Amino acid sequence: MGVPDADGQGPPDGLPGLPPEWGRVVVPDDASALADEARQVRRELRRARTGAGRRTGSLRLGLPTLILLVSVLITLAGLAAVTWPRATRSGAPTVLPHGGGAAPQPVGPLPALDLVGADDTPVPLRSLLPAMIILTDACACAEQVTTAATAAPPGVTVVTVTAGRRAGSASVPGVRPLGDPAGGLRSYLHLSAQPGIAPALLVDRQGSLVRVVPELGPLSDYGADLARLAG
């Protein structure tokens, strides 16, 4: 079938210009003789297209799944950041109940606040130390205040503090009523007013806040610490 080129090059029974390692290439006169090879080639092409389609489908399914996974991880991280316990703001004391017994460790300094007396004059809170300071703006709690005033040792001032410029009435003997116009004490302690509850602070003569009583109750809850203030 092959014919030498014009220069006489090329095999007489092959196609000119083909690599010699291909061997002898014979082109049949009848194309139907290549039917088997054509079917094989078509099968291989179909197989290649099917494999490519599967890979494309996997990629299409994988991308939304990846986006969903990242969204879930971001949401979980946000929830963890919101619910993770945070440290108490610097300078504010930790309000914890005390079970009595050994002398409590100071939990912070008393802020240098000027409150308002019954005659509308400023009263430096530190000038009354040592003191038991009772916040009575949400509860007058006259019975508990009377108990504290009776149990206070000589030299320890019992102070009641209400919100606003007007000090409460001096209804309990031996108690100094004051007003807190700016709400400085509650802001410092991060204590919100709750109806029926009167928290108390025990402060020694150096101005150290040695005890915070979240809710003024029986004398047995704080009596030992109150007695130590006179020392």
C-alpha atoms as a PDB file:
ATOM      1  CA  MET A   1       0.000   0.000   0.000  1.00  0.00           C
ATOM      2  CA  GLY A   2       2.846   2.447   0.740  1.00  0.00           C
ATOM      3  CA  VAL A   3       4.620   4.277  -2.013  1.00  0.00           C
ATOM      4  CA  PRO A   4       8.116   5.814  -1.756  1.00  0.00           C
ATOM      5  CA  ASP A   5       8.138   9.610  -1.653  1.00  0.00           C
ATOM      6  CA  ALA A   6       9.590  11.806  -4.398  1.00  0.00           C
ATOM      7  CA  ASP A   7      13.118  11.367  -3.065  1.00  0.00           C
ATOM      8  CA  GLY A   8      12.744   7.600  -2.958  1.00  0.00           C
ATOM      9  CA  GLN A   9      12.464   7.581   0.868  1.00  0.00           C
ATOM     10  CA  GLY A  10       9.976   5.573   2.850  1.00  0.00           C
ATOM     11  CA  PRO A  11       9.011   1.942   2.963  1.00  0.00           C
ATOM     12  CA  PRO A  12       7.391   0.466  -0.096  1.00  0.00           C
ATOM     13  CA  ASP A  13       4.650  -1.282   2.002  1.00  0.00           C
ATOM     14  CA  GLY A  14       3.873   1.332   4.683  1.00  0.00           C
ATOM     15  CA  LEU A  15       2.733   4.931   5.245  1.00  0.00           C
ATOM     16  CA  PRO A  16       5.470   7.542   4.821  1.00  0.00           C
ATOM     17  CA  GLY A  17       6.599   9.710   7.750  1.00  0.00           C
ATOM     18  CA  LEU A  18       5.525   7.359  10.598  1.00  0.00           C
ATOM     19  CA  PRO A  19       7.880   6.424  13.439  1.00  0.00           C
ATOM     20  CA  PRO A  20       9.623   3.125  12.789  1.00  0.00           C
ATOM     21  CA  GLU A  21       8.684   1.781  16.246  1.00  0.00           C
ATOM     22  CA  TRP A  22       5.031   1.733  15.167  1.00  0.00           C
ATOM     23  CA  GLY A  23       5.882  -1.136  12.851  1.00  0.00           C
ATOM     24  CA  ARG A  24       4.032  -1.839   9.693  1.00  0.00           C
ATOM     25  CA  VAL A  25       0.732   0.081   9.355  1.00  0.00           C
ATOM     26  CA  VAL A  26      -1.775  -1.423   6.951  1.00  0.00           C
ATOM     27  CA  VAL A  27      -4.892   0.500   5.848  1.00  0.00           C
ATOM     28  CA  PRO A  28      -7.635  -1.890   4.730  1.00  0.00           C
ATOM     29  CA  ASP A  29      -9.615  -1.238   1.600  1.00  0.00           C
ATOM     30  CA  ASP A  30     -12.908  -1.934   3.473  1.00  0.00           C
ATOM     31  CA  ALA A  31     -13.596   0.297   6.518  1.00  0.00           C
ATOM     32  CA  SER A  32     -15.895  -2.361   8.018  1.00  0.00           C
ATOM     33  CA  ALA A  33     -12.790  -4.350   8.869  1.00  0.00           C
ATOM     34  CA  LEU A  34     -12.133  -1.777  11.614  1.00  0.00           C
ATOM     35  CA  ALA A  35     -15.571  -2.187  13.222  1.00  0.00           C
ATOM     36  CA  ASP A  36     -14.222  -4.057  16.278  1.00  0.00           C
ATOM     37  CA  GLU A  37     -11.546  -1.444  16.896  1.00  0.00           C
ATOM     38  CA  ALA A  38     -14.145   1.351  16.523  1.00  0.00           C
ATOM     39  CA  ARG A  39     -16.431  -0.258  19.138  1.00  0.00           C
ATOM     40  CA  GLN A  40     -13.494  -0.574  21.544  1.00  0.00           C
ATOM     41  CA  VAL A  41     -12.607   3.079  21.097  1.00  0.00           C
ATOM     42  CA  ARG A  42     -16.251   4.155  21.688  1.00  0.00           C
ATOM     43  CA  ARG A  43     -16.425   2.057  24.900  1.00  0.00           C
ATOM     44  CA  GLU A  44     -13.261   3.673  26.197  1.00  0.00           C
ATOM     45  CA  LEU A  45     -14.574   7.173  25.411  1.00  0.00           C
ATOM     46  CA  ARG A  46     -17.891   6.438  27.188  1.00  0.00           C
ATOM     47  CA  ARG A  47     -16.020   5.083  30.207  1.00  0.00           C
ATOM     48  CA  ALA A  48     -13.854   8.204  30.346  1.00  0.00           C
ATOM     49  CA  ARG A  49     -16.906  10.513  30.143  1.00  0.00           C
ATOM     50  CA  THR A  50     -18.708   8.562  32.911  1.00  0.00           C
ATOM     51  CA  GLY A  51     -15.688   8.806  35.242  1.00  0.00           C
ATOM     52  CA  ALA A  52     -15.371  12.552  34.624  1.00  0.00           C
ATOM     53  CA  GLY A  53     -19.085  13.051  35.368  1.00  0.00           C
ATOM     54  CA  ARG A  54     -18.814  11.213  38.669  1.00  0.00           C
ATOM     55  CA  ARG A  55     -15.854  13.338  39.771  1.00  0.00           C
ATOM     56  CA  THR A  56     -17.705  16.536  38.847  1.00  0.00           C
ATOM     57  CA  GLY A  57     -20.771  15.391  40.810  1.00  0.00           C
ATOM     58  CA  SER A  58     -18.628  14.637  43.843  1.00  0.00           C
ATOM     59  CA  LEU A  59     -17.130  18.122  43.690  1.00  0.00           C
ATOM     60  CA  ARG A  60     -20.593  19.703  43.402  1.00  0.00           C
ATOM     61  CA  LEU A  61     -21.795  17.800  46.471  1.00  0.00           C
ATOM     62  CA  GLY A  62     -18.591  18.389  48.443  1.00  0.00           C
ATOM     63  CA  LEU A  63     -18.556  22.213  48.242  1.00  0.00           C
ATOM     64  CA  PRO A  64     -21.966  22.813  49.963  1.00  0.00           C
ATOM     65  CA  THR A  65     -21.038  20.254  52.610  1.00  0.00           C
ATOM     66  CA  LEU A  66     -17.777  22.087  53.315  1.00  0.00           C
ATOM     67  CA  ILE A  67     -19.591  25.445  53.576  1.00  0.00           C
ATOM     68  CA  LEU A  68     -22.138  23.939  56.004  1.00  0.00           C
ATOM     69  CA  LEU A  69     -19.373  22.440  58.148  1.00  0.00           C
ATOM     70  CA  VAL A  70     -17.535  25.773  58.376  1.00  0.00           C
ATOM     71  CA  SER A  71     -20.789  27.544  59.342  1.00  0.00           C
ATOM     72  CA  VAL A  72     -21.446  25.027  62.128  1.00  0.00           C
ATOM     73  CA  LEU A  73     -17.896  25.425  63.473  1.00  0.00           C
ATOM     74  CA  ILE A  74     -18.204  29.236  63.480  1.00  0.00           C
ATOM     75  CA  THR A  75     -21.548  29.021  65.318  1.00  0.00           C
ATOM     76  CA  LEU A  76     -20.125  26.678  67.951  1.00  0.00           C
ATOM     77  CA  ALA A  77     -17.113  28.951  68.459  1.00  0.00           C
ATOM     78  CA  GLY A  78     -19.425  31.942  68.951  1.00  0.00           C
ATOM     79  CA  LEU A  79     -21.519  30.091  71.520  1.00  0.00           C
ATOM     80  CA  ALA A  80     -18.401  29.034  73.395  1.00  0.00           C
ATOM     81  CA  ALA A  81     -17.126  32.617  73.481  1.00  0.00           C
ATOM     82  CA  VAL A  82     -20.448  33.900  74.846  1.00  0.00           C
ATOM     83  CA  THR A  83     -20.898  31.232  77.511  1.00  0.00           C
ATOM     84  CA  TRP A  84     -17.252  30.940  78.601  1.00  0.00           C
ATOM     85  CA  PRO A  85     -16.795  32.220  82.199  1.00  0.00           C
ATOM     86  CA  ARG A  86     -15.249  35.672  82.212  1.00  0.00           C
ATOM     87  CA  ALA A  87     -12.922  37.113  84.798  1.00  0.00           C
ATOM     88  CA  THR A  88     -14.359  39.661  87.236  1.00  0.00           C
ATOM     89  CA  ARG A  89     -13.741  43.226  86.124  1.00  0.00           C
ATOM     90  CA  SER A  90     -10.516  44.654  87.527  1.00  0.00           C
ATOM     91  CA  GLY A  91     -10.894  46.470  90.863  1.00  0.00           C
ATOM     92  CA  ALA A  92     -14.265  44.986  91.807  1.00  0.00           C
ATOM     93  CA  PRO A  93     -14.455  42.594  94.768  1.00  0.00           C
ATOM     94  CA  THR A  94     -15.738  39.060  94.479  1.00  0.00           C
ATOM     95  CA  VAL A  95     -19.026  38.702  96.341  1.00  0.00           C
ATOM     96  CA  LEU A  96     -18.923  35.380  98.186  1.00  0.00           C
ATOM     97  CA  PRO A  97     -20.703  34.138 101.304  1.00  0.00           C
ATOM     98  CA  HIS A  98     -18.515  33.403 104.285  1.00  0.00           C
ATOM     99  CA  GLY A  99     -19.056  30.472 106.575  1.00  0.00           C
ATOM    100  CA  GLY A 100     -17.464  31.987 109.692  1.00  0.00           C
ATOM    101  CA  GLY A 101     -14.553  30.501 111.648  1.00  0.00           C
ATOM    102  CA  ALA A 102     -11.185  31.950 110.660  1.00  0.00           C
ATOM    103  CA  ALA A 103     -10.862  35.643 109.864  1.00  0.00           C
ATOM    104  CA  PRO A 104     -11.793  36.294 106.210  1.00  0.00           C
ATOM    105  CA  GLN A 105      -9.254  37.667 103.755  1.00  0.00           C
ATOM    106  CA  PRO A 106      -9.938  41.183 102.389  1.00  0.00           C
ATOM    107  CA  VAL A 107     -11.795  41.048  99.074  1.00  0.00           C
ATOM    108  CA  GLY A 108     -11.022  44.610  97.981  1.00  0.00           C
ATOM    109  CA  PRO A 109     -10.738  48.245  99.057  1.00  0.00           C
ATOM    110  CA  LEU A 110     -13.729  50.390  99.903  1.00  0.00           C
ATOM    111  CA  PRO A 111     -14.056  53.124  97.250  1.00  0.00           C
ATOM    112  CA  ALA A 112     -13.580  56.693  98.449  1.00  0.00           C
ATOM    113  CA  LEU A 113     -17.176  57.855  98.030  1.00  0.00           C
ATOM    114  CA  ASP A 114     -18.906  60.928  99.424  1.00  0.00           C
ATOM    115  CA  LEU A 115     -22.505  60.113 100.319  1.00  0.00           C
ATOM    116  CA  VAL A 116     -25.261  62.452 101.477  1.00  0.00           C
ATOM    117  CA  GLY A 117     -26.332  62.789 105.110  1.00  0.00           C
ATOM    118  CA  ALA A 118     -29.756  63.522 106.564  1.00  0.00           C
ATOM    119  CA  ASP A 119     -29.052  67.273 106.483  1.00  0.00           C
ATOM    120  CA  ASP A 120     -28.076  67.066 102.791  1.00  0.00           C
ATOM    121  CA  THR A 121     -24.373  67.510 103.537  1.00  0.00           C
ATOM    122  CA  PRO A 122     -21.647  65.329 102.003  1.00  0.00           C
ATOM    123  CA  VAL A 123     -20.285  62.572 104.232  1.00  0.00           C
ATOM    124  CA  PRO A 124     -17.024  60.822 103.270  1.00  0.00           C
ATOM    125  CA  LEU A 125     -17.780  57.121 103.675  1.00  0.00           C
ATOM    126  CA  ARG A 126     -14.237  56.360 104.799  1.00  0.00           C
ATOM    127  CA  SER A 127     -14.623  58.764 107.745  1.00  0.00           C
ATOM    128  CA  LEU A 128     -17.048  56.296 109.366  1.00  0.00           C
ATOM    129  CA  LEU A 129     -14.713  53.293 109.499  1.00  0.00           C
ATOM    130  CA  PRO A 130     -14.729  50.638 110.763  1.00  0.00           C
ATOM    131  CA  ALA A 131     -18.297  50.130 109.636  1.00  0.00           C
ATOM    132  CA  MET A 132     -21.038  47.761 108.637  1.00  0.00           C
ATOM    133  CA  ILE A 133     -22.740  49.271 105.588  1.00  0.00           C
ATOM    134  CA  ILE A 134     -26.216  47.970 104.734  1.00  0.00           C
ATOM    135  CA  LEU A 135     -27.839  48.756 101.351  1.00  0.00           C
ATOM    136  CA  THR A 136     -31.509  49.296 102.154  1.00  0.00           C
ATOM    137  CA  ASP A 137     -32.831  50.838  98.931  1.00  0.00           C
ATOM    138  CA  ALA A 138     -34.637  47.602  97.961  1.00  0.00           C
ATOM    139  CA  CYS A 139     -35.571  46.503 101.496  1.00  0.00           C
ATOM    140  CA  ALA A 140     -35.766  48.529 104.715  1.00  0.00           C
ATOM    141  CA  CYS A 141     -35.343  45.228 106.593  1.00  0.00           C
ATOM    142  CA  ALA A 142     -35.785  47.047 109.921  1.00  0.00           C
ATOM    143  CA  GLU A 143     -35.575  43.865 111.991  1.00  0.00           C
ATOM    144  CA  GLN A 144     -32.274  42.757 110.487  1.00  0.00           C
ATOM    145  CA  VAL A 145     -30.837  46.302 110.714  1.00  0.00           C
ATOM    146  CA  THR A 146     -31.818  46.520 114.391  1.00  0.00           C
ATOM    147  CA  THR A 147     -30.153  43.175 115.070  1.00  0.00           C
ATOM    148  CA  ALA A 148     -26.938  44.347 113.399  1.00  0.00           C
ATOM    149  CA  ALA A 149     -26.924  47.660 115.260  1.00  0.00           C
ATOM    150  CA  THR A 150     -27.439  45.910 118.602  1.00  0.00           C
ATOM    151  CA  ALA A 151     -24.631  43.422 117.913  1.00  0.00           C
ATOM    152  CA  ALA A 152     -22.106  45.977 116.614  1.00  0.00           C
ATOM    153  CA  PRO A 153     -19.188  46.394 119.063  1.00  0.00           C
ATOM    154  CA  PRO A 154     -18.225  49.877 120.334  1.00  0.00           C
ATOM    155  CA  GLY A 155     -16.403  51.918 117.681  1.00  0.00           C
ATOM    156  CA  VAL A 156     -18.073  50.156 114.728  1.00  0.00           C
ATOM    157  CA  THR A 157     -20.540  52.341 112.820  1.00  0.00           C
ATOM    158  CA  VAL A 158     -23.666  50.796 111.323  1.00  0.00           C
ATOM    159  CA  VAL A 159     -24.661  52.683 108.163  1.00  0.00           C
ATOM    160  CA  THR A 160     -27.743  52.282 106.002  1.00  0.00           C
ATOM    161  CA  VAL A 161     -27.503  53.482 102.391  1.00  0.00           C
ATOM    162  CA  THR A 162     -30.419  54.210 100.069  1.00  0.00           C
ATOM    163  CA  ALA A 163     -30.393  55.265  96.436  1.00  0.00           C
ATOM    164  CA  GLY A 164     -30.859  58.949  95.617  1.00  0.00           C
ATOM    165  CA  ARG A 165     -29.974  62.171  97.420  1.00  0.00           C
ATOM    166  CA  ARG A 166     -32.361  61.669 100.317  1.00  0.00           C
ATOM    167  CA  ALA A 167     -31.025  59.597 103.202  1.00  0.00           C
ATOM    168  CA  GLY A 168     -33.422  57.195 104.844  1.00  0.00           C
ATOM    169  CA  SER A 169     -35.056  58.031 108.136  1.00  0.00           C
ATOM    170  CA  ALA A 170     -33.130  57.326 111.337  1.00  0.00           C
ATOM    171  CA  SER A 171     -35.697  54.778 112.500  1.00  0.00           C
ATOM    172  CA  VAL A 172     -33.182  52.471 114.184  1.00  0.00           C
ATOM    173  CA  PRO A 173     -31.165  53.848 117.122  1.00  0.00           C
ATOM    174  CA  GLY A 174     -27.415  53.895 116.594  1.00  0.00           C
ATOM    175  CA  VAL A 175     -27.682  53.680 112.792  1.00  0.00           C
ATOM    176  CA  ARG A 176     -26.358  56.402 110.452  1.00  0.00           C
ATOM    177  CA  PRO A 177     -28.607  56.788 107.372  1.00  0.00           C
ATOM    178  CA  LEU A 178     -26.997  58.060 104.145  1.00  0.00           C
ATOM    179  CA  GLY A 179     -28.018  58.557 100.524  1.00  0.00           C
ATOM    180  CA  ASP A 180     -26.044  57.421  97.466  1.00  0.00           C
ATOM    181  CA  PRO A 181     -27.065  59.784  94.617  1.00  0.00           C
ATOM    182  CA  ALA A 182     -24.908  58.145  91.958  1.00  0.00           C
ATOM    183  CA  GLY A 183     -25.406  54.547  93.082  1.00  0.00           C
ATOM    184  CA  GLY A 184     -21.643  54.222  93.466  1.00  0.00           C
ATOM    185  CA  LEU A 185     -21.674  51.350  95.960  1.00  0.00           C
ATOM    186  CA  ARG A 186     -23.951  49.077  93.947  1.00  0.00           C
ATOM    187  CA  SER A 187     -22.054  49.908  90.758  1.00  0.00           C
ATOM    188  CA  TYR A 188     -18.741  49.054  92.420  1.00  0.00           C
ATOM    189  CA  LEU A 189     -20.066  45.744  93.754  1.00  0.00           C
ATOM    190  CA  HIS A 190     -22.050  44.884  90.593  1.00  0.00           C
ATOM    191  CA  LEU A 191     -25.083  44.207  92.797  1.00  0.00           C
ATOM    192  CA  SER A 192     -28.509  44.976  91.348  1.00  0.00           C
ATOM    193  CA  ALA A 193     -31.327  45.905  93.714  1.00  0.00           C
ATOM    194  CA  GLN A 194     -33.645  42.971  94.445  1.00  0.00           C
ATOM    195  CA  PRO A 195     -36.890  43.467  96.365  1.00  0.00           C
ATOM    196  CA  GLY A 196     -36.752  42.087  99.897  1.00  0.00           C
ATOM    197  CA  ILE A 197     -32.953  41.743  99.980  1.00  0.00           C
ATOM    198  CA  ALA A 198     -30.489  44.035 101.774  1.00  0.00           C
ATOM    199  CA  PRO A 199     -26.806  43.186 101.210  1.00  0.00           C
ATOM    200  CA  ALA A 200     -24.193  44.353 103.710  1.00  0.00           C
ATOM    201  CA  LEU A 201     -20.503  45.260 103.643  1.00  0.00           C
ATOM    202  CA  LEU A 202     -18.055  44.784 106.510  1.00  0.00           C
ATOM    203  CA  VAL A 203     -15.150  47.250 106.290  1.00  0.00           C
ATOM    204  CA  ASP A 204     -12.214  47.475 108.701  1.00  0.00           C
ATOM    205  CA  ARG A 205     -10.546  50.697 109.880  1.00  0.00           C
ATOM    206  CA  GLN A 206      -7.899  50.495 107.096  1.00  0.00           C
ATOM    207  CA  GLY A 207     -10.627  50.677 104.473  1.00  0.00           C
ATOM    208  CA  SER A 208     -10.400  47.039 103.399  1.00  0.00           C
ATOM    209  CA  LEU A 209     -13.657  45.378 102.400  1.00  0.00           C
ATOM    210  CA  VAL A 210     -13.287  42.182 104.408  1.00  0.00           C
ATOM    211  CA  ARG A 211     -16.711  40.673 103.808  1.00  0.00           C
ATOM    212  CA  VAL A 212     -19.693  41.071 101.500  1.00  0.00           C
ATOM    213  CA  VAL A 213     -22.920  39.592 102.831  1.00  0.00           C
ATOM    214  CA  PRO A 214     -25.163  39.093  99.751  1.00  0.00           C
ATOM    215  CA  GLU A 215     -28.304  38.981 101.896  1.00  0.00           C
ATOM    216  CA  LEU A 216     -28.530  40.250 105.452  1.00  0.00           C
ATOM    217  CA  GLY A 217     -29.951  37.410 107.525  1.00  0.00           C
ATOM    218  CA  PRO A 218     -29.472  35.982 111.004  1.00  0.00           C
ATOM    219  CA  LEU A 219     -26.669  37.353 113.184  1.00  0.00           C
ATOM    220  CA  SER A 220     -25.017  33.925 113.168  1.00  0.00           C
ATOM    221  CA  ASP A 221     -24.190  34.422 109.454  1.00  0.00           C
ATOM    222  CA  TYR A 222     -21.910  37.425 110.040  1.00  0.00           C
ATOM    223  CA  GLY A 223     -21.611  38.036 113.814  1.00  0.00           C
ATOM    224  CA  ALA A 224     -18.036  36.763 114.166  1.00  0.00           C
ATOM    225  CA  ASP A 225     -16.784  38.951 111.319  1.00  0.00           C
ATOM    226  CA  LEU A 226     -18.662  41.968 112.711  1.00  0.00           C
ATOM    227  CA  ALA A 227     -16.978  41.527 116.095  1.00  0.00           C
ATOM    228  CA  ARG A 228     -13.522  41.428 114.438  1.00  0.00           C
ATOM    229  CA  LEU A 229     -13.995  44.902 112.944  1.00  0.00           C
ATOM    230  CA  ALA A 230     -13.369  46.460 116.380  1.00  0.00           C
ATOM    231  CA  GLY A 231      -9.897  44.893 116.583  1.00  0.00           C
END
